[in-house]
Amino acid sequence: LLCGWHGKSFVFANRFRGKGYWVIISNSNDGDMQNHIFTQLGYQSIRGSTGRGGARVAMQGVRVLREGGTMAMTPDGP
């Protein structure tokens, strides 16, 4: 499990690209743009946020980790 700050997410994206890591990305319009960039860099995404699918995101994240996946998140968000 990797953690980074929202304002530095593209530094992280570049550093770990192409490894198939999972990221949690908001369902917002900004998240659409970020999701496009991250998937182009080789990441897999789980879409959602605290107010929009948070429980589903948490369950999917646990599944990814149990299956041996590596996941990244930004703990400084809502």
Protein backbone atom coordinates (compact mmCIF):
# COMPACT_ATOMS: atom_id res chain seq x y z
CA LEU A 1 0.00 0.00 0.00
CA LEU A 2 1.53 3.28 -1.15
CA CYS A 3 0.35 6.68 0.10
CA GLY A 4 0.99 10.13 -1.34
CA TRP A 5 -0.44 13.65 -1.21
CA HIS A 6 -3.01 14.93 -3.70
CA GLY A 7 -0.81 17.76 -4.88
CA LYS A 8 2.01 15.34 -5.69
CA SER A 9 0.02 12.55 -7.38
CA PHE A 10 1.61 13.03 -10.79
CA VAL A 11 5.10 12.76 -9.31
CA PHE A 12 3.99 9.38 -7.95
CA ALA A 13 2.32 8.49 -11.27
CA ASN A 14 5.53 9.01 -13.19
CA ARG A 15 7.75 7.23 -10.67
CA PHE A 16 5.70 4.01 -10.52
CA ARG A 17 4.19 3.89 -14.02
CA GLY A 18 3.79 0.65 -15.94
CA LYS A 19 3.73 -1.61 -12.88
CA GLY A 20 -0.02 -2.33 -12.91
CA TYR A 21 -0.55 -0.74 -9.50
CA TRP A 22 -4.08 0.18 -8.43
CA VAL A 23 -5.16 3.75 -7.62
CA ILE A 24 -8.31 5.19 -6.10
CA ILE A 25 -9.64 8.06 -8.19
CA SER A 26 -12.69 10.23 -7.60
CA ASN A 27 -15.82 10.00 -9.76
CA SER A 28 -15.65 13.77 -10.31
CA ASN A 29 -14.94 15.56 -13.60
CA ASP A 30 -11.39 16.20 -12.40
CA GLY A 31 -11.18 12.50 -11.59
CA ASP A 32 -12.11 11.65 -15.19
CA MET A 33 -9.06 13.53 -16.42
CA GLN A 34 -6.82 12.03 -13.75
CA ASN A 35 -8.17 8.53 -14.48
CA HIS A 36 -7.35 8.94 -18.17
CA ILE A 37 -3.77 9.96 -17.39
CA PHE A 38 -3.21 7.22 -14.82
CA THR A 39 -4.58 4.48 -17.08
CA GLN A 40 -2.37 5.70 -19.93
CA LEU A 41 0.58 5.32 -17.53
CA GLY A 42 -0.35 1.70 -16.82
CA TYR A 43 -2.38 1.94 -13.62
CA GLN A 44 -5.64 0.20 -12.82
CA SER A 45 -8.26 2.33 -11.09
CA ILE A 46 -11.05 2.05 -8.59
CA ARG A 47 -13.40 5.00 -8.98
CA GLY A 48 -15.20 6.58 -6.04
CA SER A 49 -14.84 8.81 -2.99
CA THR A 50 -16.17 9.24 0.52
CA GLY A 51 -19.49 10.66 -0.67
CA ARG A 52 -19.74 8.69 -3.91
CA GLY A 53 -19.31 4.94 -3.50
CA GLY A 54 -16.93 4.95 -0.54
CA ALA A 55 -18.04 1.59 0.86
CA ARG A 56 -17.73 -0.05 -2.57
CA VAL A 57 -14.26 1.48 -3.04
CA ALA A 58 -13.16 0.16 0.36
CA MET A 59 -14.39 -3.35 -0.45
CA GLN A 60 -12.71 -3.33 -3.86
CA GLY A 61 -9.48 -2.06 -2.30
CA VAL A 62 -9.46 -4.83 0.28
CA ARG A 63 -10.05 -7.38 -2.50
CA VAL A 64 -7.11 -6.00 -4.52
CA LEU A 65 -4.81 -6.18 -1.50
CA ARG A 66 -5.95 -9.70 -0.54
CA GLU A 67 -5.20 -10.84 -4.09
CA GLY A 68 -1.65 -9.51 -3.74
CA GLY A 69 -2.10 -6.27 -5.65
CA THR A 70 -0.32 -3.03 -4.86
CA MET A 71 -2.57 -0.06 -4.26
CA ALA A 72 -1.92 3.65 -3.94
CA MET A 73 -4.10 6.26 -2.30
CA THR A 74 -4.04 9.86 -1.15
CA PRO A 75 -5.01 9.95 2.55
CA ASP A 76 -5.21 13.77 2.65
CA GLY A 77 -8.54 13.93 0.80
CA PRO A 78 -12.08 13.87 2.18
